Each structure stands twice: as structure tokens, then as C-alpha cells.
Amino acid sequence: HERQGDPFSAADDRLLSTVANQLAQTIERL
């Protein structure tokens, strides 16, 4: 986080989870 950054929102959490899932699927395909 930036020093004075806002906490992650629910939308941020959902986006981060999606990115992690996509990376996992890519690793599994490889």
C-alpha cells in the first residue's frame, strides 16, 4: 500500500482473487 492509501474495497478484493485464479489456471495449463 501507499503510506496513506485507502484500504482495499470489495471490488478490489474480487479483482485480486480473479487475477490469482487466472494465474493459477495459467500455471495449471503450462
Full PDB file with SEQRES, HELIX, SHEET, SSBOND, CRYST1, ORIGX, SCALE, CONECT and MASTER records, all heavy atoms in Angstrom:
SEQRES   1 A   30  HIS GLU ARG GLN GLY ASP PRO PHE SER ALA ALA ASP ASP          
SEQRES   2 A   30  ARG LEU LEU SER THR VAL ALA ASN GLN LEU ALA GLN THR          
SEQRES   3 A   30  ILE GLU ARG LEU                                              
HELIX    1 AA1 ALA A   10  ARG A   29  1                                  20    
CRYST1    1.000    1.000    1.000  90.00  90.00  90.00 P 1           1          
ORIGX1      1.000000  0.000000  0.000000        0.00000                         
ORIGX2      0.000000  1.000000  0.000000        0.00000                         
ORIGX3      0.000000  0.000000  1.000000        0.00000                         
SCALE1      1.000000  0.000000  0.000000        0.00000                         
SCALE2      0.000000  1.000000  0.000000        0.00000                         
SCALE3      0.000000  0.000000  1.000000        0.00000                         
ATOM      1  N   HIS A   1       0.832  -1.210   0.000  1.00  0.00           N  
ATOM      2  CA  HIS A   1       0.000   0.000   0.000  1.00  0.00           C  
ATOM      3  C   HIS A   1       0.866   1.258   0.000  1.00  0.00           C  
ATOM      4  O   HIS A   1       1.998   1.253   0.504  1.00  0.00           O  
ATOM      5  CB  HIS A   1      -0.863   0.031   1.271  1.00  0.00           C  
ATOM      6  CG  HIS A   1      -2.273  -0.412   1.013  1.00  0.00           C  
ATOM      7  ND1 HIS A   1      -3.080   0.172   0.080  1.00  0.00           N  
ATOM      8  CD2 HIS A   1      -3.009  -1.383   1.618  1.00  0.00           C  
ATOM      9  CE1 HIS A   1      -4.267  -0.424   0.102  1.00  0.00           C  
ATOM     10  NE2 HIS A   1      -4.242  -1.387   1.031  1.00  0.00           N  
ATOM     11  N   GLU A   2       0.314   2.312  -0.550  1.00  0.00           N  
ATOM     12  CA  GLU A   2       0.924   3.617  -0.333  1.00  0.00           C  
ATOM     13  C   GLU A   2       0.813   3.955   1.154  1.00  0.00           C  
ATOM     14  O   GLU A   2      -0.038   3.424   1.868  1.00  0.00           O  
ATOM     15  CB  GLU A   2       0.221   4.663  -1.180  1.00  0.00           C  
ATOM     16  CG  GLU A   2       0.387   4.453  -2.680  1.00  0.00           C  
ATOM     17  CD  GLU A   2      -0.315   5.538  -3.483  1.00  0.00           C  
ATOM     18  OE1 GLU A   2      -1.005   6.375  -2.843  1.00  0.00           O  
ATOM     19  OE2 GLU A   2      -0.183   5.544  -4.712  1.00  0.00           O  
ATOM     20  N   ARG A   3       1.677   4.858   1.603  1.00  0.00           N  
ATOM     21  CA  ARG A   3       1.727   5.156   3.045  1.00  0.00           C  
ATOM     22  C   ARG A   3       0.367   5.617   3.576  1.00  0.00           C  
ATOM     23  O   ARG A   3      -0.048   5.220   4.648  1.00  0.00           O  
ATOM     24  CB  ARG A   3       2.781   6.227   3.324  1.00  0.00           C  
ATOM     25  CG  ARG A   3       4.200   5.740   3.109  1.00  0.00           C  
ATOM     26  CD  ARG A   3       5.207   6.787   3.549  1.00  0.00           C  
ATOM     27  NE  ARG A   3       6.582   6.330   3.360  1.00  0.00           N  
ATOM     28  CZ  ARG A   3       7.235   5.578   4.207  1.00  0.00           C  
ATOM     29  NH1 ARG A   3       6.656   5.217   5.346  1.00  0.00           N  
ATOM     30  NH2 ARG A   3       8.480   5.203   3.962  1.00  0.00           N  
ATOM     31  N   GLN A   4      -0.328   6.450   2.831  1.00  0.00           N  
ATOM     32  CA  GLN A   4      -1.629   6.955   3.270  1.00  0.00           C  
ATOM     33  C   GLN A   4      -2.743   6.402   2.394  1.00  0.00           C  
ATOM     34  O   GLN A   4      -3.768   7.045   2.194  1.00  0.00           O  
ATOM     35  CB  GLN A   4      -1.642   8.486   3.230  1.00  0.00           C  
ATOM     36  CG  GLN A   4      -0.531   9.148   4.032  1.00  0.00           C  
ATOM     37  CD  GLN A   4      -0.615   8.809   5.511  1.00  0.00           C  
ATOM     38  OE1 GLN A   4      -1.706   8.617   6.058  1.00  0.00           O  
ATOM     39  NE2 GLN A   4       0.553   8.723   6.157  1.00  0.00           N  
ATOM     40  N   GLY A   5      -2.527   5.221   1.819  1.00  0.00           N  
ATOM     41  CA  GLY A   5      -3.502   4.665   0.890  1.00  0.00           C  
ATOM     42  C   GLY A   5      -4.757   4.165   1.583  1.00  0.00           C  
ATOM     43  O   GLY A   5      -4.756   3.804   2.765  1.00  0.00           O  
ATOM     44  N   ASP A   6      -5.864   4.152   0.817  1.00  0.00           N  
ATOM     45  CA  ASP A   6      -7.122   3.624   1.333  1.00  0.00           C  
ATOM     46  C   ASP A   6      -7.074   2.102   1.371  1.00  0.00           C  
ATOM     47  O   ASP A   6      -6.360   1.468   0.587  1.00  0.00           O  
ATOM     48  CB  ASP A   6      -8.282   4.061   0.442  1.00  0.00           C  
ATOM     49  CG  ASP A   6      -8.455   5.576   0.437  1.00  0.00           C  
ATOM     50  OD1 ASP A   6      -8.158   6.194   1.492  1.00  0.00           O  
ATOM     51  OD2 ASP A   6      -8.879   6.133  -0.607  1.00  0.00           O  
ATOM     52  N   PRO A   7      -7.805   1.483   2.290  1.00  0.00           N  
ATOM     53  CA  PRO A   7      -7.843   0.012   2.330  1.00  0.00           C  
ATOM     54  C   PRO A   7      -8.506  -0.539   1.074  1.00  0.00           C  
ATOM     55  O   PRO A   7      -9.233   0.168   0.370  1.00  0.00           O  
ATOM     56  CB  PRO A   7      -8.663  -0.275   3.592  1.00  0.00           C  
ATOM     57  CG  PRO A   7      -9.491   0.951   3.811  1.00  0.00           C  
ATOM     58  CD  PRO A   7      -8.646   2.098   3.348  1.00  0.00           C  
ATOM     59  N   PHE A   8      -8.250  -1.821   0.799  1.00  0.00           N  
ATOM     60  CA  PHE A   8      -8.850  -2.447  -0.373  1.00  0.00           C  
ATOM     61  C   PHE A   8     -10.356  -2.526  -0.211  1.00  0.00           C  
ATOM     62  O   PHE A   8     -10.873  -2.860   0.863  1.00  0.00           O  
ATOM     63  CB  PHE A   8      -8.289  -3.861  -0.567  1.00  0.00           C  
ATOM     64  CG  PHE A   8      -6.852  -3.872  -1.015  1.00  0.00           C  
ATOM     65  CD1 PHE A   8      -5.873  -4.413  -0.197  1.00  0.00           C  
ATOM     66  CD2 PHE A   8      -6.488  -3.350  -2.242  1.00  0.00           C  
ATOM     67  CE1 PHE A   8      -4.547  -4.430  -0.602  1.00  0.00           C  
ATOM     68  CE2 PHE A   8      -5.165  -3.358  -2.650  1.00  0.00           C  
ATOM     69  CZ  PHE A   8      -4.193  -3.893  -1.828  1.00  0.00           C  
ATOM     70  N   SER A   9     -11.090  -2.247  -1.287  1.00  0.00           N  
ATOM     71  CA  SER A   9     -12.544  -2.364  -1.281  1.00  0.00           C  
ATOM     72  C   SER A   9     -12.942  -3.776  -1.691  1.00  0.00           C  
ATOM     73  O   SER A   9     -12.110  -4.593  -2.095  1.00  0.00           O  
ATOM     74  CB  SER A   9     -13.147  -1.352  -2.259  1.00  0.00           C  
ATOM     75  OG  SER A   9     -12.779  -1.670  -3.590  1.00  0.00           O  
ATOM     76  N   ALA A  10     -14.244  -4.065  -1.595  1.00  0.00           N  
ATOM     77  CA  ALA A  10     -14.751  -5.382  -2.001  1.00  0.00           C  
ATOM     78  C   ALA A  10     -14.476  -5.635  -3.479  1.00  0.00           C  
ATOM     79  O   ALA A  10     -14.143  -6.761  -3.892  1.00  0.00           O  
ATOM     80  CB  ALA A  10     -16.247  -5.488  -1.706  1.00  0.00           C  
ATOM     81  N   ALA A  11     -14.594  -4.577  -4.295  1.00  0.00           N  
ATOM     82  CA  ALA A  11     -14.296  -4.725  -5.726  1.00  0.00           C  
ATOM     83  C   ALA A  11     -12.818  -5.038  -5.933  1.00  0.00           C  
ATOM     84  O   ALA A  11     -12.455  -5.867  -6.788  1.00  0.00           O  
ATOM     85  CB  ALA A  11     -14.691  -3.454  -6.481  1.00  0.00           C  
ATOM     86  N   ASP A  12     -11.939  -4.382  -5.156  1.00  0.00           N  
ATOM     87  CA  ASP A  12     -10.508  -4.685  -5.248  1.00  0.00           C  
ATOM     88  C   ASP A  12     -10.227  -6.132  -4.860  1.00  0.00           C  
ATOM     89  O   ASP A  12      -9.447  -6.829  -5.524  1.00  0.00           O  
ATOM     90  CB  ASP A  12      -9.706  -3.748  -4.335  1.00  0.00           C  
ATOM     91  CG  ASP A  12      -9.810  -2.295  -4.761  1.00  0.00           C  
ATOM     92  OD1 ASP A  12      -9.982  -2.052  -5.976  1.00  0.00           O  
ATOM     93  OD2 ASP A  12      -9.730  -1.417  -3.886  1.00  0.00           O  
ATOM     94  N   ASP A  13     -10.890  -6.581  -3.785  1.00  0.00           N  
ATOM     95  CA  ASP A  13     -10.683  -7.958  -3.335  1.00  0.00           C  
ATOM     96  C   ASP A  13     -11.114  -8.951  -4.405  1.00  0.00           C  
ATOM     97  O   ASP A  13     -10.442  -9.955  -4.659  1.00  0.00           O  
ATOM     98  CB  ASP A  13     -11.461  -8.216  -2.046  1.00  0.00           C  
ATOM     99  CG  ASP A  13     -10.980  -7.334  -0.894  1.00  0.00           C  
ATOM    100  OD1 ASP A  13      -9.886  -6.747  -1.039  1.00  0.00           O  
ATOM    101  OD2 ASP A  13     -11.700  -7.239   0.114  1.00  0.00           O  
ATOM    102  N   ARG A  14     -12.263  -8.669  -5.036  1.00  0.00           N  
ATOM    103  CA  ARG A  14     -12.765  -9.561  -6.083  1.00  0.00           C  
ATOM    104  C   ARG A  14     -11.807  -9.581  -7.272  1.00  0.00           C  
ATOM    105  O   ARG A  14     -11.515 -10.635  -7.847  1.00  0.00           O  
ATOM    106  CB  ARG A  14     -14.159  -9.121  -6.518  1.00  0.00           C  
ATOM    107  CG  ARG A  14     -14.806 -10.085  -7.520  1.00  0.00           C  
ATOM    108  CD  ARG A  14     -16.191  -9.627  -7.928  1.00  0.00           C  
ATOM    109  NE  ARG A  14     -17.130  -9.762  -6.817  1.00  0.00           N  
ATOM    110  CZ  ARG A  14     -17.625  -8.746  -6.119  1.00  0.00           C  
ATOM    111  NH1 ARG A  14     -17.250  -7.498  -6.397  1.00  0.00           N  
ATOM    112  NH2 ARG A  14     -18.475  -8.960  -5.126  1.00  0.00           N  
ATOM    113  N   LEU A  15     -11.276  -8.409  -7.639  1.00  0.00           N  
ATOM    114  CA  LEU A  15     -10.338  -8.329  -8.766  1.00  0.00           C  
ATOM    115  C   LEU A  15      -9.046  -9.079  -8.458  1.00  0.00           C  
ATOM    116  O   LEU A  15      -8.530  -9.827  -9.300  1.00  0.00           O  
ATOM    117  CB  LEU A  15     -10.033  -6.863  -9.078  1.00  0.00           C  
ATOM    118  CG  LEU A  15      -9.008  -6.613 -10.193  1.00  0.00           C  
ATOM    119  CD1 LEU A  15      -9.488  -7.204 -11.503  1.00  0.00           C  
ATOM    120  CD2 LEU A  15      -8.736  -5.114 -10.335  1.00  0.00           C  
ATOM    121  N   LEU A  16      -8.539  -8.915  -7.249  1.00  0.00           N  
ATOM    122  CA  LEU A  16      -7.307  -9.611  -6.875  1.00  0.00           C  
ATOM    123  C   LEU A  16      -7.511 -11.129  -6.865  1.00  0.00           C  
ATOM    124  O   LEU A  16      -6.636 -11.889  -7.300  1.00  0.00           O  
ATOM    125  CB  LEU A  16      -6.820  -9.133  -5.518  1.00  0.00           C  
ATOM    126  CG  LEU A  16      -6.301  -7.692  -5.466  1.00  0.00           C  
ATOM    127  CD1 LEU A  16      -6.050  -7.263  -4.021  1.00  0.00           C  
ATOM    128  CD2 LEU A  16      -5.017  -7.562  -6.285  1.00  0.00           C  
ATOM    129  N   SER A  17      -8.662 -11.569  -6.375  1.00  0.00           N  
ATOM    130  CA  SER A  17      -8.956 -13.006  -6.373  1.00  0.00           C  
ATOM    131  C   SER A  17      -9.036 -13.542  -7.800  1.00  0.00           C  
ATOM    132  O   SER A  17      -8.554 -14.641  -8.105  1.00  0.00           O  
ATOM    133  CB  SER A  17     -10.273 -13.278  -5.637  1.00  0.00           C  
ATOM    134  OG  SER A  17     -10.170 -12.918  -4.279  1.00  0.00           O  
ATOM    135  N   THR A  18      -9.636 -12.740  -8.697  1.00  0.00           N  
ATOM    136  CA  THR A  18      -9.740 -13.152 -10.103  1.00  0.00           C  
ATOM    137  C   THR A  18      -8.368 -13.258 -10.747  1.00  0.00           C  
ATOM    138  O   THR A  18      -8.067 -14.213 -11.474  1.00  0.00           O  
ATOM    139  CB  THR A  18     -10.614 -12.153 -10.886  1.00  0.00           C  
ATOM    140  OG1 THR A  18     -11.913 -12.089 -10.286  1.00  0.00           O  
ATOM    141  CG2 THR A  18     -10.742 -12.566 -12.342  1.00  0.00           C  
ATOM    142  N   VAL A  19      -7.503 -12.265 -10.469  1.00  0.00           N  
ATOM    143  CA  VAL A  19      -6.148 -12.307 -11.022  1.00  0.00           C  
ATOM    144  C   VAL A  19      -5.403 -13.541 -10.514  1.00  0.00           C  
ATOM    145  O   VAL A  19      -4.712 -14.237 -11.292  1.00  0.00           O  
ATOM    146  CB  VAL A  19      -5.383 -11.020 -10.656  1.00  0.00           C  
ATOM    147  CG1 VAL A  19      -3.913 -11.144 -11.031  1.00  0.00           C  
ATOM    148  CG2 VAL A  19      -5.995  -9.818 -11.347  1.00  0.00           C  
ATOM    149  N   ALA A  20      -5.525 -13.832  -9.230  1.00  0.00           N  
ATOM    150  CA  ALA A  20      -4.860 -15.008  -8.664  1.00  0.00           C  
ATOM    151  C   ALA A  20      -5.382 -16.288  -9.307  1.00  0.00           C  
ATOM    152  O   ALA A  20      -4.604 -17.205  -9.618  1.00  0.00           O  
ATOM    153  CB  ALA A  20      -5.055 -15.046  -7.149  1.00  0.00           C  
ATOM    154  N   ASN A  21      -6.706 -16.361  -9.535  1.00  0.00           N  
ATOM    155  CA  ASN A  21      -7.282 -17.547 -10.178  1.00  0.00           C  
ATOM    156  C   ASN A  21      -6.788 -17.701 -11.612  1.00  0.00           C  
ATOM    157  O   ASN A  21      -6.506 -18.809 -12.077  1.00  0.00           O  
ATOM    158  CB  ASN A  21      -8.809 -17.473 -10.145  1.00  0.00           C  
ATOM    159  CG  ASN A  21      -9.374 -17.679  -8.759  1.00  0.00           C  
ATOM    160  OD1 ASN A  21      -8.749 -18.329  -7.922  1.00  0.00           O  
ATOM    161  ND2 ASN A  21     -10.548 -17.130  -8.489  1.00  0.00           N  
ATOM    162  N   GLN A  22      -6.688 -16.584 -12.333  1.00  0.00           N  
ATOM    163  CA  GLN A  22      -6.190 -16.646 -13.705  1.00  0.00           C  
ATOM    164  C   GLN A  22      -4.741 -17.116 -13.752  1.00  0.00           C  
ATOM    165  O   GLN A  22      -4.353 -17.912 -14.611  1.00  0.00           O  
ATOM    166  CB  GLN A  22      -6.318 -15.268 -14.374  1.00  0.00           C  
ATOM    167  CG  GLN A  22      -7.756 -14.834 -14.644  1.00  0.00           C  
ATOM    168  CD  GLN A  22      -8.421 -15.719 -15.686  1.00  0.00           C  
ATOM    169  OE1 GLN A  22      -7.784 -16.176 -16.615  1.00  0.00           O  
ATOM    170  NE2 GLN A  22      -9.712 -15.958 -15.510  1.00  0.00           N  
ATOM    171  N   LEU A  23      -3.929 -16.602 -12.825  1.00  0.00           N  
ATOM    172  CA  LEU A  23      -2.544 -17.066 -12.758  1.00  0.00           C  
ATOM    173  C   LEU A  23      -2.473 -18.560 -12.449  1.00  0.00           C  
ATOM    174  O   LEU A  23      -1.669 -19.295 -13.046  1.00  0.00           O  
ATOM    175  CB  LEU A  23      -1.782 -16.283 -11.689  1.00  0.00           C  
ATOM    176  CG  LEU A  23      -1.403 -14.842 -12.032  1.00  0.00           C  
ATOM    177  CD1 LEU A  23      -0.787 -14.161 -10.817  1.00  0.00           C  
ATOM    178  CD2 LEU A  23      -0.414 -14.807 -13.197  1.00  0.00           C  
ATOM    179  N   ALA A  24      -3.329 -19.019 -11.530  1.00  0.00           N  
ATOM    180  CA  ALA A  24      -3.344 -20.435 -11.181  1.00  0.00           C  
ATOM    181  C   ALA A  24      -3.734 -21.288 -12.387  1.00  0.00           C  
ATOM    182  O   ALA A  24      -3.145 -22.336 -12.644  1.00  0.00           O  
ATOM    183  CB  ALA A  24      -4.306 -20.675 -10.016  1.00  0.00           C  
ATOM    184  N   GLN A  25      -4.741 -20.821 -13.152  1.00  0.00           N  
ATOM    185  CA  GLN A  25      -5.156 -21.574 -14.336  1.00  0.00           C  
ATOM    186  C   GLN A  25      -4.054 -21.606 -15.392  1.00  0.00           C  
ATOM    187  O   GLN A  25      -3.843 -22.620 -16.059  1.00  0.00           O  
ATOM    188  CB  GLN A  25      -6.431 -20.958 -14.919  1.00  0.00           C  
ATOM    189  CG  GLN A  25      -7.658 -21.136 -14.038  1.00  0.00           C  
ATOM    190  CD  GLN A  25      -8.887 -20.460 -14.620  1.00  0.00           C  
ATOM    191  OE1 GLN A  25      -8.947 -20.176 -15.810  1.00  0.00           O  
ATOM    192  NE2 GLN A  25      -9.871 -20.192 -13.770  1.00  0.00           N  
ATOM    193  N   THR A  26      -3.336 -20.498 -15.533  1.00  0.00           N  
ATOM    194  CA  THR A  26      -2.232 -20.464 -16.489  1.00  0.00           C  
ATOM    195  C   THR A  26      -1.138 -21.443 -16.089  1.00  0.00           C  
ATOM    196  O   THR A  26      -0.606 -22.178 -16.922  1.00  0.00           O  
ATOM    197  CB  THR A  26      -1.651 -19.043 -16.580  1.00  0.00           C  
ATOM    198  OG1 THR A  26      -2.683 -18.138 -16.995  1.00  0.00           O  
ATOM    199  CG2 THR A  26      -0.498 -18.998 -17.568  1.00  0.00           C  
ATOM    200  N   ILE A  27      -0.799 -21.450 -14.795  1.00  0.00           N  
ATOM    201  CA  ILE A  27       0.214 -22.384 -14.304  1.00  0.00           C  
ATOM    202  C   ILE A  27      -0.230 -23.829 -14.521  1.00  0.00           C  
ATOM    203  O   ILE A  27       0.550 -24.690 -14.923  1.00  0.00           O  
ATOM    204  CB  ILE A  27       0.505 -22.122 -12.817  1.00  0.00           C  
ATOM    205  CG1 ILE A  27       1.162 -20.737 -12.651  1.00  0.00           C  
ATOM    206  CG2 ILE A  27       1.386 -23.209 -12.214  1.00  0.00           C  
ATOM    207  CD1 ILE A  27       1.309 -20.298 -11.213  1.00  0.00           C  
ATOM    208  N   GLU A  28      -1.519 -24.094 -14.279  1.00  0.00           N  
ATOM    209  CA  GLU A  28      -2.039 -25.448 -14.478  1.00  0.00           C  
ATOM    210  C   GLU A  28      -1.996 -25.848 -15.946  1.00  0.00           C  
ATOM    211  O   GLU A  28      -1.630 -26.979 -16.287  1.00  0.00           O  
ATOM    212  CB  GLU A  28      -3.481 -25.528 -13.949  1.00  0.00           C  
ATOM    213  CG  GLU A  28      -4.153 -26.875 -14.129  1.00  0.00           C  
ATOM    214  CD  GLU A  28      -3.552 -27.956 -13.255  1.00  0.00           C  
ATOM    215  OE1 GLU A  28      -2.624 -27.653 -12.470  1.00  0.00           O  
ATOM    216  OE2 GLU A  28      -4.001 -29.106 -13.357  1.00  0.00           O  
ATOM    217  N   ARG A  29      -2.332 -24.903 -16.844  1.00  0.00           N  
ATOM    218  CA  ARG A  29      -2.264 -25.205 -18.280  1.00  0.00           C  
ATOM    219  C   ARG A  29      -0.824 -25.497 -18.693  1.00  0.00           C  
ATOM    220  O   ARG A  29      -0.563 -26.405 -19.482  1.00  0.00           O  
ATOM    221  CB  ARG A  29      -2.829 -24.049 -19.094  1.00  0.00           C  
ATOM    222  CG  ARG A  29      -4.342 -23.990 -19.116  1.00  0.00           C  
ATOM    223  CD  ARG A  29      -4.839 -23.082 -20.219  1.00  0.00           C  
ATOM    224  NE  ARG A  29      -4.383 -21.708 -20.067  1.00  0.00           N  
ATOM    225  CZ  ARG A  29      -5.046 -20.777 -19.406  1.00  0.00           C  
ATOM    226  NH1 ARG A  29      -6.202 -21.068 -18.820  1.00  0.00           N  
ATOM    227  NH2 ARG A  29      -4.575 -19.542 -19.319  1.00  0.00           N  
ATOM    228  N   LEU A  30       0.131 -24.712 -18.187  1.00  0.00           N  
ATOM    229  CA  LEU A  30       1.533 -24.954 -18.512  1.00  0.00           C  
ATOM    230  C   LEU A  30       1.992 -26.319 -18.007  1.00  0.00           C  
ATOM    231  O   LEU A  30       2.747 -27.027 -18.691  1.00  0.00           O  
ATOM    232  CB  LEU A  30       2.405 -23.849 -17.913  1.00  0.00           C  
ATOM    233  CG  LEU A  30       2.251 -22.455 -18.533  1.00  0.00           C  
ATOM    234  CD1 LEU A  30       3.066 -21.439 -17.748  1.00  0.00           C  
ATOM    235  CD2 LEU A  30       2.684 -22.466 -19.995  1.00  0.00           C  
TER     236      LEU A  30                                                      
MASTER        0    0    0    1    0    0    0    6  235    1    0    3          
END                                                                             
